[in-house]
Amino acid sequence: MDHTFPVTVVDHAAAAVAGATVVIVDRSTLPAAAKHPFETVAATHTDQGAGRYQETAKIVPANGNWILIVSLAGKSPVVQPLKWKSDKAGEFTTTPAPAAVATVTITAATRTIAGVQQREIAFHVVLHPAAELAFMSGVDYHKSDVGTGWMFHHYAFNRAEILRREKKIDPGTVVTVFATPLIQRITRVWGGKKWVDIEVLQLGDPKTRVPAHPYQPVAGLDIHINDFYQHLHAVGSRAPRSVIEAGIFSHSWPGGPILYNTSESAAHAALGAARDPNDFDARAKDFNALNFPAHAKMADALAASCRFTIWGCSATTHLKFRARAALKSIKDKKPEDDFFRVTTEIFDDHTGAVVRLQIENTSELRHRFLMDKGFRSASYAAEAAAKLGIEVRAGCPGTGSDPVKVDGIEMLMVNLATYSGVFGYYHEKFAPEFAETKSKWDQGYIDYHALQSRPAVPMPAFDSQYFNLSVVKDVPGSANLSFWDPARRITHPTGNVTISIRGVTDLATVGKKGHLIILKDTDDAKSQAVFVQEDQKFFHVERDAKKLWTVLGAPF
């Protein structure tokens, strides 16, 4: 029996579409390099006008997996996987496999023309304006086998479903998700009643991973953050401004999304440095002049209204405590440069002992300056916003995100009640540009790009009473004391110290004030002190015969 496969192509307004590329082909005949959106696959149909496309040459059907591809510049490609099966009489039936996509309707009819039976399998295709959601996910790096545990890519698919329910995407929108636990790039579209995976591209074999804690990702096997950037780079070349939302679902910190919790060498640590080749995680430096050119067209992929979201935590505990202390200072009607002390203790999960300690003597104004600086540079969200020039949302410094289920959909969100003191401070000093999301499935994420439109907070004047002590308990050389002058710092030989400060006059220069800062060690012989003078001079201080810190030592 002869078969024919006409295709009708219209746009979302039901107008006939001319100039589309229409392909119906046996999937097994596609070259290995042919991947979604299959732009290199040659057309099998010719435009007949009025939106009708007919086979250029006869297509001989065969049992197996086939594929319909319809593409046109400026439109989302339509891809419908098919399964063809013949009966004993040689008549073929066509079934969408794994399921029908919402943009394709298939009809079939058998006719007798000039005494010859002919089977017509017709396709009606709707092309929508080019639109894509592009998402990256991380692994649960607490597991030795990172193919298990927390599956962050589920949140990426949940985000697509949320946007569909909120009617923010159309039926032609393509959803691309890099699922690092599975080592897959999954391409999904809406099917009318459920989502349909039109391509699951296996980028590596998870069975070849060598479990370890911590797991070390392998080049050529595991998905790298650059794979995500390169995907956007490719979209920027073929379909500019089509990505309407991008995002990364993973553990995270202000320095960037944590895909595997890899690290970088000291030689690669600077913001302006090249990437460490053994580092797979996202970094703020990805947007610098050295690294960004390799995937520069990712900026062209993003629609002007595109939102790029880092859905993980920004939960630096000290910043949470400092923001709360700054808000209290405001409510107590203290001067903006009035000093207060913020102490952060990190406890061992098993013993309950303090393992890390940070003590900062600061002011609301200094907190405001440092946070404004973080909104503009050095953090991942800040660097992305500055380079890409679009809405880039991430957690507010000092807040964490956790899974919350609403109406059957679980999503990562920031608990607005838990962090009300943190948000309260920023509402006081950074509004209206500081505005966290507050919708049903989207709470607590702030727009770093909007915050960069504010006038910068001027750097406060030097003050001798500012200090920041960072300590890792029981670790030699882990206590570091820094001052408002970032060029000055001292290291203490142990992590077993307490700190005190008092105002002193005439210690170094007659008539000059300053502050004596004492690091008292549990081994008193190792205690030390410094004097910070109001004119930004720094001195070591020694003890006198009475064991008092009165003897001026060497400057530093």
Protein backbone atom coordinates (compact mmCIF):
# COMPACT_ATOMS: atom_id res chain seq x y z
CA MET A 1 0.00 0.00 0.00
CA ASP A 2 1.25 3.49 -0.84
CA HIS A 3 1.62 5.98 2.00
CA THR A 4 1.75 9.75 1.97
CA PHE A 5 2.69 12.11 4.78
CA PRO A 6 1.42 15.68 4.25
CA VAL A 7 2.21 18.30 6.89
CA THR A 8 0.28 21.51 7.52
CA VAL A 9 2.13 24.23 9.43
CA VAL A 10 0.43 27.23 11.05
CA ASP A 11 1.50 29.75 13.67
CA HIS A 12 -0.05 30.29 17.11
CA ALA A 13 -2.65 32.59 15.51
CA ALA A 14 -3.62 29.85 13.02
CA ALA A 15 -2.03 31.68 10.06
CA ALA A 16 -0.33 29.56 7.39
CA VAL A 17 3.45 29.39 7.77
CA ALA A 18 5.79 29.56 4.78
CA GLY A 19 9.46 28.67 4.62
CA ALA A 20 9.56 26.09 7.40
CA THR A 21 11.93 23.12 7.34
CA VAL A 22 9.87 19.92 7.58
CA VAL A 23 11.45 16.54 8.21
CA ILE A 24 10.00 13.05 8.64
CA VAL A 25 12.76 10.51 8.98
CA ASP A 26 13.67 7.15 10.44
CA ARG A 27 15.48 8.03 13.63
CA SER A 28 17.99 5.22 13.19
CA THR A 29 19.25 6.89 10.01
CA LEU A 30 20.15 10.14 11.74
CA PRO A 31 23.89 10.76 12.23
CA ALA A 32 25.15 10.48 15.81
CA ALA A 33 25.78 14.23 15.92
CA ALA A 34 22.12 15.03 15.18
CA LYS A 35 20.73 16.28 18.48
CA HIS A 36 17.87 18.55 19.44
CA PRO A 37 16.95 20.88 17.78
CA PHE A 38 18.20 18.84 14.77
CA GLU A 39 19.03 21.95 12.77
CA THR A 40 21.46 20.08 10.47
CA VAL A 41 18.93 17.46 9.32
CA ALA A 42 17.87 17.98 5.70
CA ALA A 43 14.23 18.70 4.84
CA THR A 44 12.13 15.88 3.41
CA HIS A 45 9.18 18.09 2.46
CA THR A 46 8.64 21.01 0.09
CA ASP A 47 6.51 24.09 0.78
CA GLN A 48 3.41 23.90 -1.44
CA GLY A 49 1.96 27.19 -0.22
CA ALA A 50 -0.90 27.99 2.19
CA GLY A 51 0.99 26.19 4.97
CA ARG A 52 0.98 22.84 3.16
CA TYR A 53 4.14 20.73 2.89
CA GLN A 54 4.42 17.57 0.81
CA GLU A 55 7.19 14.97 0.53
CA THR A 56 9.88 16.00 -1.94
CA ALA A 57 10.56 12.32 -2.62
CA LYS A 58 8.58 9.28 -1.69
CA ILE A 59 9.01 8.23 1.93
CA VAL A 60 9.01 4.46 2.37
CA PRO A 61 7.78 3.70 5.89
CA ALA A 62 9.31 0.98 8.04
CA ASN A 63 8.62 -0.40 11.46
CA GLY A 64 10.51 1.43 14.18
CA ASN A 65 11.18 4.83 15.67
CA TRP A 66 10.74 7.87 13.44
CA ILE A 67 10.70 11.58 14.11
CA LEU A 68 8.86 14.64 12.82
CA ILE A 69 10.84 17.89 12.98
CA VAL A 70 9.44 21.29 11.99
CA SER A 71 11.57 24.38 12.42
CA LEU A 72 11.66 28.02 11.38
CA ALA A 73 13.78 30.94 12.49
CA GLY A 74 12.06 32.84 15.28
CA LYS A 75 9.86 29.89 16.25
CA SER A 76 10.25 27.12 18.80
CA PRO A 77 11.15 23.92 16.96
CA VAL A 78 8.49 21.23 17.04
CA VAL A 79 9.76 17.70 17.54
CA GLN A 80 7.42 14.72 17.70
CA PRO A 81 8.96 11.27 18.21
CA LEU A 82 6.94 8.60 16.43
CA LYS A 83 6.61 4.84 16.30
CA TRP A 84 5.47 3.24 13.05
CA LYS A 85 4.00 -0.24 12.86
CA SER A 86 2.54 -2.12 9.91
CA ASP A 87 -0.18 -4.73 9.85
CA LYS A 88 -0.24 -7.86 7.67
CA ALA A 89 -1.68 -5.92 4.77
CA GLY A 90 1.26 -3.49 4.87
CA GLU A 91 -0.76 -0.59 6.22
CA PHE A 92 1.15 1.54 8.72
CA THR A 93 -0.14 3.19 11.86
CA THR A 94 1.65 6.08 13.51
CA THR A 95 1.76 6.49 17.28
CA PRO A 96 3.39 9.37 19.15
CA ALA A 97 6.14 7.88 21.30
CA PRO A 98 6.57 8.31 24.20
CA ALA A 99 3.47 10.57 23.92
CA ALA A 100 1.91 13.28 21.78
CA VAL A 101 3.22 16.82 22.05
CA ALA A 102 0.68 19.63 22.30
CA THR A 103 1.75 21.28 19.04
CA VAL A 104 1.12 18.29 16.75
CA THR A 105 -2.13 16.61 15.71
CA ILE A 106 -2.03 13.37 13.69
CA THR A 107 -4.87 12.10 11.53
CA ALA A 108 -5.00 9.10 9.25
CA ALA A 109 -7.25 8.00 6.44
CA THR A 110 -7.27 5.33 3.76
CA ARG A 111 -8.52 6.34 0.31
CA THR A 112 -8.93 4.62 -3.04
CA ILE A 113 -7.58 6.74 -5.88
CA ALA A 114 -7.86 5.39 -9.45
CA GLY A 115 -8.49 1.96 -8.00
CA VAL A 116 -5.38 2.10 -5.81
CA GLN A 117 -5.57 2.26 -2.03
CA GLN A 118 -3.51 4.99 -0.47
CA ARG A 119 -2.86 5.55 3.23
CA GLU A 120 -2.55 9.23 4.22
CA ILE A 121 -0.99 10.05 7.58
CA ALA A 122 -1.31 13.81 8.00
CA PHE A 123 0.32 16.07 10.57
CA HIS A 124 -0.98 19.46 11.69
CA VAL A 125 1.77 21.48 13.38
CA VAL A 126 1.50 24.74 15.34
CA LEU A 127 4.63 26.89 15.62
CA HIS A 128 4.89 29.28 18.55
CA PRO A 129 7.35 32.18 19.03
CA ALA A 130 10.80 30.88 19.99
CA ALA A 131 10.89 30.24 23.74
CA GLU A 132 13.05 28.06 25.98
CA LEU A 133 13.56 27.41 29.66
CA ALA A 134 17.19 26.43 30.31
CA PHE A 135 18.05 24.89 33.67
CA MET A 136 21.09 23.32 35.35
CA SER A 137 21.07 21.08 38.41
CA GLY A 138 23.68 19.95 40.90
CA VAL A 139 24.28 16.71 42.77
CA ASP A 140 23.84 15.86 46.43
CA TYR A 141 27.55 16.13 47.20
CA HIS A 142 27.06 14.73 50.70
CA LYS A 143 26.69 11.30 49.06
CA SER A 144 29.55 9.09 47.92
CA ASP A 145 27.33 7.97 45.07
CA VAL A 146 26.18 11.30 43.63
CA GLY A 147 23.65 9.51 41.45
CA THR A 148 21.55 9.13 44.61
CA GLY A 149 20.23 11.51 47.24
CA TRP A 150 18.73 14.91 46.56
CA MET A 151 17.65 15.10 42.90
CA PHE A 152 17.79 18.83 42.18
CA HIS A 153 16.69 18.43 38.54
CA HIS A 154 13.18 17.64 39.77
CA TYR A 155 12.90 21.25 40.94
CA ALA A 156 13.85 22.39 37.46
CA PHE A 157 10.96 20.44 35.95
CA ASN A 158 8.70 21.63 38.75
CA ARG A 159 9.60 25.21 37.84
CA ALA A 160 8.49 24.57 34.27
CA GLU A 161 5.18 23.20 35.53
CA ILE A 162 4.73 26.25 37.76
CA LEU A 163 5.28 28.61 34.84
CA ARG A 164 2.79 26.59 32.78
CA ARG A 165 0.16 26.80 35.53
CA GLU A 166 0.80 30.52 35.84
CA LYS A 167 0.29 30.81 32.05
CA LYS A 168 3.74 32.32 31.58
CA ILE A 169 4.80 29.87 28.87
CA ASP A 170 3.03 28.62 25.73
CA PRO A 171 2.62 25.00 24.52
CA GLY A 172 5.63 25.32 22.22
CA THR A 173 8.11 26.29 24.93
CA VAL A 174 11.11 23.96 25.05
CA VAL A 175 12.44 22.96 28.48
CA THR A 176 16.12 21.96 28.64
CA VAL A 177 17.46 20.51 31.88
CA PHE A 178 21.01 19.34 32.60
CA ALA A 179 20.57 16.60 35.23
CA THR A 180 24.02 16.06 36.74
CA PRO A 181 23.11 13.04 38.93
CA LEU A 182 21.93 11.17 35.82
CA ILE A 183 24.52 12.75 33.47
CA GLN A 184 21.70 13.63 31.09
CA ARG A 185 20.47 16.58 29.08
CA ILE A 186 16.71 16.22 29.01
CA THR A 187 14.55 18.13 26.52
CA ARG A 188 10.87 18.29 27.42
CA VAL A 189 7.74 19.95 26.01
CA TRP A 190 4.12 20.11 27.05
CA GLY A 191 1.91 17.34 25.71
CA GLY A 192 -1.53 18.75 26.42
CA LYS A 193 -2.11 16.62 29.51
CA LYS A 194 1.41 15.88 30.68
CA TRP A 195 5.02 16.73 29.92
CA VAL A 196 6.77 14.74 27.20
CA ASP A 197 10.51 13.99 27.02
CA ILE A 198 11.30 14.42 23.34
CA GLU A 199 15.00 13.72 23.87
CA VAL A 200 17.00 12.24 26.73
CA LEU A 201 20.62 12.68 25.79
CA GLN A 202 22.96 10.50 27.84
CA LEU A 203 26.16 12.55 28.17
CA GLY A 204 28.00 9.96 30.25
CA ASP A 205 27.48 6.61 31.97
CA PRO A 206 26.83 6.97 35.73
CA LYS A 207 27.86 3.34 36.21
CA THR A 208 31.46 4.27 35.41
CA ARG A 209 31.66 6.74 38.28
CA VAL A 210 33.95 5.78 41.14
CA PRO A 211 32.11 6.55 44.40
CA ALA A 212 34.10 8.63 46.86
CA HIS A 213 33.51 11.16 49.59
CA PRO A 214 34.00 13.79 48.47
CA TYR A 215 33.21 12.73 44.92
CA GLN A 216 35.57 14.10 42.29
CA PRO A 217 33.84 14.73 38.94
CA VAL A 218 35.63 13.47 35.86
CA ALA A 219 36.22 15.45 32.66
CA GLY A 220 34.45 13.83 29.73
CA LEU A 221 32.08 11.97 32.05
CA ASP A 222 30.38 14.42 34.36
CA ILE A 223 28.48 17.54 33.39
CA HIS A 224 30.47 20.76 33.91
CA ILE A 225 29.04 24.24 34.49
CA ASN A 226 30.62 25.14 31.14
CA ASP A 227 28.28 22.62 29.46
CA PHE A 228 25.38 24.79 30.60
CA TYR A 229 27.06 27.96 29.39
CA GLN A 230 27.90 26.35 26.05
CA HIS A 231 24.28 25.30 25.58
CA LEU A 232 23.19 28.91 26.09
CA HIS A 233 26.01 30.03 23.81
CA ALA A 234 24.66 27.75 21.06
CA VAL A 235 21.11 29.01 21.58
CA GLY A 236 22.42 32.56 21.32
CA SER A 237 23.79 31.73 17.87
CA ARG A 238 20.74 29.96 16.42
CA ALA A 239 17.81 31.51 18.33
CA PRO A 240 18.74 34.89 19.84
CA ARG A 241 16.61 36.20 22.73
CA SER A 242 14.62 32.97 22.97
CA VAL A 243 15.53 31.92 26.53
CA ILE A 244 12.80 33.39 28.69
CA GLU A 245 14.11 31.91 31.95
CA ALA A 246 17.37 30.31 33.05
CA GLY A 247 18.25 28.89 36.42
CA ILE A 248 20.52 26.68 38.50
CA PHE A 249 19.10 24.32 41.11
CA SER A 250 21.73 23.12 43.56
CA HIS A 251 23.37 23.72 46.87
CA SER A 252 24.82 27.19 46.75
CA TRP A 253 26.71 29.97 48.53
CA PRO A 254 27.34 33.63 47.59
CA GLY A 255 30.36 32.57 45.52
CA GLY A 256 28.17 30.49 43.22
CA PRO A 257 26.03 27.38 42.73
CA ILE A 258 27.69 24.21 44.07
CA LEU A 259 27.35 21.50 41.45
CA TYR A 260 29.76 19.00 43.06
CA ASN A 261 31.54 21.03 45.79
CA THR A 262 34.82 21.05 43.92
CA SER A 263 37.47 23.59 44.83
CA GLU A 264 40.03 25.69 43.01
CA SER A 265 43.76 26.09 43.58
CA ALA A 266 45.23 29.24 45.09
CA ALA A 267 46.61 30.14 41.66
CA HIS A 268 43.08 30.24 40.25
CA ALA A 269 41.28 31.77 43.22
CA ALA A 270 41.24 35.46 42.22
CA LEU A 271 38.08 36.95 40.71
CA GLY A 272 39.95 37.89 37.54
CA ALA A 273 41.79 34.58 37.15
CA ALA A 274 41.25 31.68 34.75
CA ARG A 275 39.18 28.70 35.83
CA ASP A 276 40.87 25.79 37.54
CA PRO A 277 40.58 22.87 35.07
CA ASN A 278 39.68 20.52 37.94
CA ASP A 279 36.88 22.76 39.21
CA PHE A 280 33.37 21.92 37.91
CA ASP A 281 31.37 24.36 40.07
CA ALA A 282 29.99 27.74 39.01
CA ARG A 283 32.15 30.72 39.96
CA ALA A 284 31.73 34.48 39.94
CA LYS A 285 34.82 34.60 37.70
CA ASP A 286 32.86 32.86 34.93
CA PHE A 287 31.77 36.32 33.82
CA ASN A 288 35.21 37.98 33.79
CA ALA A 289 37.07 39.15 30.69
CA LEU A 290 39.19 36.00 30.65
CA ASN A 291 36.54 33.29 30.95
CA PHE A 292 33.35 34.78 29.51
CA PRO A 293 34.47 35.07 25.84
CA ALA A 294 34.39 31.25 25.52
CA HIS A 295 30.60 31.36 25.89
CA ALA A 296 29.89 35.04 25.16
CA LYS A 297 26.83 34.36 22.99
CA MET A 298 24.98 33.07 26.03
CA ALA A 299 24.13 36.74 26.59
CA ASP A 300 22.52 36.81 23.12
CA ALA A 301 20.35 33.80 24.02
CA LEU A 302 18.61 35.62 26.86
CA ALA A 303 15.42 37.56 26.18
CA ALA A 304 15.38 41.12 27.49
CA SER A 305 12.79 40.00 30.05
CA CYS A 306 14.68 36.79 30.92
CA ARG A 307 15.12 35.95 34.57
CA PHE A 308 18.24 34.06 35.68
CA THR A 309 17.83 32.54 39.14
CA ILE A 310 20.22 30.81 41.51
CA TRP A 311 17.71 28.77 43.50
CA GLY A 312 20.08 27.55 46.24
CA CYS A 313 21.14 29.03 49.56
CA SER A 314 23.04 32.20 50.32
CA ALA A 315 23.17 31.23 53.96
CA THR A 316 26.33 32.81 55.37
CA THR A 317 25.39 32.71 59.04
CA HIS A 318 27.50 35.70 60.02
CA LEU A 319 25.76 37.91 57.46
CA LYS A 320 22.41 36.85 58.89
CA PHE A 321 23.48 37.82 62.41
CA ARG A 322 25.07 41.05 61.22
CA ALA A 323 21.94 42.14 59.35
CA ARG A 324 19.81 41.48 62.42
CA ALA A 325 22.22 43.45 64.58
CA ALA A 326 22.18 46.32 62.08
CA LEU A 327 18.36 46.33 62.11
CA LYS A 328 18.37 46.45 65.92
CA SER A 329 20.74 49.41 65.81
CA ILE A 330 18.29 51.20 63.51
CA LYS A 331 15.30 50.41 65.71
CA ASP A 332 17.24 51.58 68.78
CA LYS A 333 17.75 54.88 66.91
CA LYS A 334 21.52 54.62 67.16
CA PRO A 335 23.74 56.71 64.83
CA GLU A 336 24.55 54.85 61.61
CA ASP A 337 28.26 54.73 62.60
CA ASP A 338 27.62 53.52 66.14
CA PHE A 339 29.57 50.32 66.74
CA PHE A 340 28.20 46.98 67.87
CA ARG A 341 29.71 43.52 68.11
CA VAL A 342 28.48 40.51 66.12
CA THR A 343 29.54 37.03 67.25
CA THR A 344 28.91 33.94 65.15
CA GLU A 345 29.61 30.45 66.46
CA ILE A 346 29.51 27.33 64.29
CA PHE A 347 29.04 24.11 66.26
CA ASP A 348 30.11 20.56 65.58
CA ASP A 349 27.04 18.49 64.69
CA HIS A 350 28.18 15.58 66.86
CA THR A 351 29.89 17.08 69.90
CA GLY A 352 28.16 20.45 70.11
CA ALA A 353 31.52 22.19 70.56
CA VAL A 354 32.32 25.47 68.82
CA VAL A 355 34.51 24.70 65.80
CA ARG A 356 34.46 28.07 64.04
CA LEU A 357 34.12 31.54 65.43
CA GLN A 358 33.76 34.98 63.89
CA ILE A 359 33.66 38.18 65.91
CA GLU A 360 33.20 41.51 64.14
CA ASN A 361 33.11 44.97 65.68
CA THR A 362 31.23 47.04 63.14
CA SER A 363 28.39 49.48 62.48
CA GLU A 364 25.20 49.66 60.45
CA LEU A 365 26.90 51.92 57.92
CA ARG A 366 29.77 49.49 57.47
CA HIS A 367 27.39 46.57 57.05
CA ARG A 368 25.45 48.59 54.46
CA PHE A 369 28.61 49.42 52.52
CA LEU A 370 29.84 45.82 52.46
CA MET A 371 26.44 44.46 51.41
CA ASP A 372 26.08 47.07 48.66
CA LYS A 373 29.54 46.08 47.45
CA GLY A 374 28.44 42.43 47.42
CA PHE A 375 25.36 43.27 45.39
CA ARG A 376 27.64 44.83 42.76
CA SER A 377 30.63 42.47 42.52
CA ALA A 378 32.42 39.33 43.70
CA SER A 379 29.26 37.28 44.35
CA TYR A 380 28.04 35.00 41.55
CA ALA A 381 24.68 36.73 41.22
CA ALA A 382 26.31 40.17 41.17
CA GLU A 383 28.83 39.30 38.47
CA ALA A 384 26.16 37.58 36.36
CA ALA A 385 23.82 40.57 36.66
CA ALA A 386 26.55 43.04 35.75
CA LYS A 387 27.65 41.05 32.69
CA LEU A 388 24.31 39.81 31.37
CA GLY A 389 22.33 42.97 32.05
CA ILE A 390 19.12 41.12 32.98
CA GLU A 391 17.15 40.24 36.10
CA VAL A 392 19.37 37.92 38.14
CA ARG A 393 17.81 36.63 41.34
CA ALA A 394 19.42 34.78 44.21
CA GLY A 395 18.98 34.43 47.94
CA CYS A 396 19.53 37.49 50.05
CA PRO A 397 22.89 37.30 51.88
CA GLY A 398 22.37 35.36 55.10
CA THR A 399 19.31 33.36 53.96
CA GLY A 400 18.86 29.72 53.08
CA SER A 401 16.44 27.96 50.75
CA ASP A 402 14.57 24.75 51.49
CA PRO A 403 12.03 22.55 49.72
CA VAL A 404 8.41 23.52 50.31
CA LYS A 405 5.39 21.74 48.81
CA VAL A 406 2.42 23.86 47.73
CA ASP A 407 -0.57 22.43 45.83
CA GLY A 408 1.35 19.24 45.14
CA ILE A 409 4.45 20.92 43.70
CA GLU A 410 7.67 20.99 45.71
CA MET A 411 9.91 24.00 45.14
CA LEU A 412 12.99 25.58 46.69
CA MET A 413 12.01 28.71 48.61
CA VAL A 414 13.33 31.04 51.30
CA ASN A 415 11.24 31.08 54.48
CA LEU A 416 10.18 34.72 54.80
CA ALA A 417 9.21 34.35 58.46
CA THR A 418 12.47 32.66 59.48
CA TYR A 419 14.53 35.41 57.89
CA SER A 420 12.20 38.32 58.65
CA GLY A 421 14.93 40.14 60.60
CA VAL A 422 17.27 39.91 57.62
CA PHE A 423 14.68 41.11 55.14
CA GLY A 424 13.63 43.81 57.60
CA TYR A 425 17.08 45.39 57.50
CA TYR A 426 17.27 45.49 53.70
CA HIS A 427 13.78 46.94 53.44
CA GLU A 428 15.02 49.78 55.65
CA LYS A 429 18.15 50.57 53.66
CA PHE A 430 17.86 49.11 50.14
CA ALA A 431 14.20 49.52 49.17
CA PRO A 432 12.53 49.87 46.72
CA GLU A 433 15.12 48.06 44.56
CA PHE A 434 15.37 45.40 47.24
CA ALA A 435 12.15 43.43 46.80
CA GLU A 436 12.04 39.69 47.47
CA THR A 437 9.71 37.41 45.53
CA LYS A 438 6.51 36.56 47.39
CA SER A 439 4.39 34.36 45.14
CA LYS A 440 2.95 30.92 45.87
CA TRP A 441 5.96 28.92 44.61
CA ASP A 442 8.61 31.63 44.56
CA GLN A 443 9.66 33.33 47.78
CA GLY A 444 12.68 35.18 49.08
CA TYR A 445 14.81 35.73 45.96
CA ILE A 446 16.12 39.23 45.26
CA ASP A 447 17.16 40.92 42.01
CA TYR A 448 20.85 41.81 42.01
CA HIS A 449 20.51 43.66 38.70
CA ALA A 450 17.91 46.00 40.20
CA LEU A 451 20.12 46.61 43.23
CA GLN A 452 22.98 47.60 40.93
CA SER A 453 20.86 50.48 39.63
CA ARG A 454 21.02 52.19 43.04
CA PRO A 455 23.64 54.85 43.80
CA ALA A 456 26.63 53.10 45.36
CA VAL A 457 27.11 53.42 49.12
CA PRO A 458 30.30 55.45 49.71
CA MET A 459 33.00 53.70 51.69
CA PRO A 460 32.84 54.82 55.34
CA ALA A 461 35.84 56.56 56.81
CA PHE A 462 38.52 54.56 58.58
CA ASP A 463 37.76 53.82 62.22
CA SER A 464 40.30 52.31 64.59
CA GLN A 465 37.70 50.33 66.52
CA TYR A 466 36.68 48.16 63.56
CA PHE A 467 37.97 44.60 63.63
CA ASN A 468 37.00 41.20 62.25
CA LEU A 469 38.35 38.07 63.94
CA SER A 470 37.97 34.72 62.19
CA VAL A 471 38.97 31.55 64.07
CA VAL A 472 38.98 27.82 63.42
CA LYS A 473 39.22 26.31 66.88
CA ASP A 474 42.20 24.08 67.74
CA VAL A 475 43.84 24.66 64.35
CA PRO A 476 47.30 26.32 64.46
CA GLY A 477 47.54 29.57 62.55
CA SER A 478 43.80 29.72 61.91
CA ALA A 479 43.03 32.93 63.81
CA ASN A 480 43.09 35.95 61.49
CA LEU A 481 42.46 39.50 62.65
CA SER A 482 41.66 42.11 60.00
CA PHE A 483 40.84 45.82 60.16
CA TRP A 484 38.98 48.45 58.15
CA ASP A 485 42.15 48.96 56.19
CA PRO A 486 42.06 45.71 54.14
CA ALA A 487 45.83 45.83 53.57
CA ARG A 488 46.44 45.17 57.26
CA ARG A 489 45.90 41.88 59.05
CA ILE A 490 47.67 39.64 61.54
CA THR A 491 47.65 35.89 62.09
CA HIS A 492 47.61 34.36 65.53
CA PRO A 493 49.53 31.08 66.11
CA THR A 494 46.55 29.19 67.60
CA GLY A 495 42.80 29.12 67.35
CA ASN A 496 42.29 29.29 71.11
CA VAL A 497 41.79 33.01 71.66
CA THR A 498 39.39 35.58 73.00
CA ILE A 499 39.40 39.24 71.98
CA SER A 500 39.01 42.53 73.85
CA ILE A 501 39.28 46.17 72.80
CA ARG A 502 39.62 49.51 74.59
CA GLY A 503 40.26 53.08 73.63
CA VAL A 504 43.77 54.46 74.24
CA THR A 505 45.31 57.92 73.77
CA ASP A 506 48.96 58.95 73.41
CA LEU A 507 50.28 55.39 73.05
CA ALA A 508 52.07 55.98 69.76
CA THR A 509 51.64 59.67 68.97
CA VAL A 510 50.92 62.41 71.50
CA GLY A 511 47.36 63.66 71.06
CA LYS A 512 46.33 60.78 68.86
CA LYS A 513 43.59 58.35 69.85
CA GLY A 514 43.22 54.75 68.89
CA HIS A 515 42.22 51.31 70.08
CA LEU A 516 44.22 48.58 71.78
CA ILE A 517 43.06 45.14 70.62
CA ILE A 518 44.18 42.15 72.69
CA LEU A 519 44.12 38.51 71.59
CA LYS A 520 44.27 36.48 74.80
CA ASP A 521 45.37 32.90 74.24
CA THR A 522 44.63 29.99 76.59
CA ASP A 523 48.43 29.74 76.64
CA ASP A 524 49.04 33.25 77.92
CA ALA A 525 52.61 33.27 76.62
CA LYS A 526 51.17 33.30 73.11
CA SER A 527 48.81 36.22 73.71
CA GLN A 528 49.42 39.32 71.62
CA ALA A 529 48.10 42.84 71.14
CA VAL A 530 48.00 45.54 68.50
CA PHE A 531 47.35 49.26 68.59
CA VAL A 532 45.34 50.83 65.77
CA GLN A 533 45.67 54.59 65.71
CA GLU A 534 43.05 56.95 64.31
CA ASP A 535 45.40 58.06 61.49
CA GLN A 536 45.62 54.47 60.17
CA LYS A 537 48.94 53.58 61.77
CA PHE A 538 49.29 50.06 63.13
CA PHE A 539 51.68 48.80 65.81
CA HIS A 540 52.39 45.61 67.67
CA VAL A 541 52.23 46.09 71.44
CA GLU A 542 54.28 44.28 74.09
CA ARG A 543 53.74 43.83 77.83
CA ASP A 544 55.59 45.79 80.47
CA ALA A 545 57.07 44.45 83.72
CA LYS A 546 53.59 44.42 85.26
CA LYS A 547 52.29 42.28 82.37
CA LEU A 548 50.26 45.21 81.04
CA TRP A 549 50.04 45.98 77.30
CA THR A 550 51.77 49.37 77.34
CA VAL A 551 55.00 48.98 75.36
CA LEU A 552 54.77 50.13 71.76
CA GLY A 553 56.34 47.61 69.38
CA ALA A 554 57.10 47.50 65.68
CA PRO A 555 54.67 49.00 63.14
CA PHE A 556 53.02 46.71 60.59
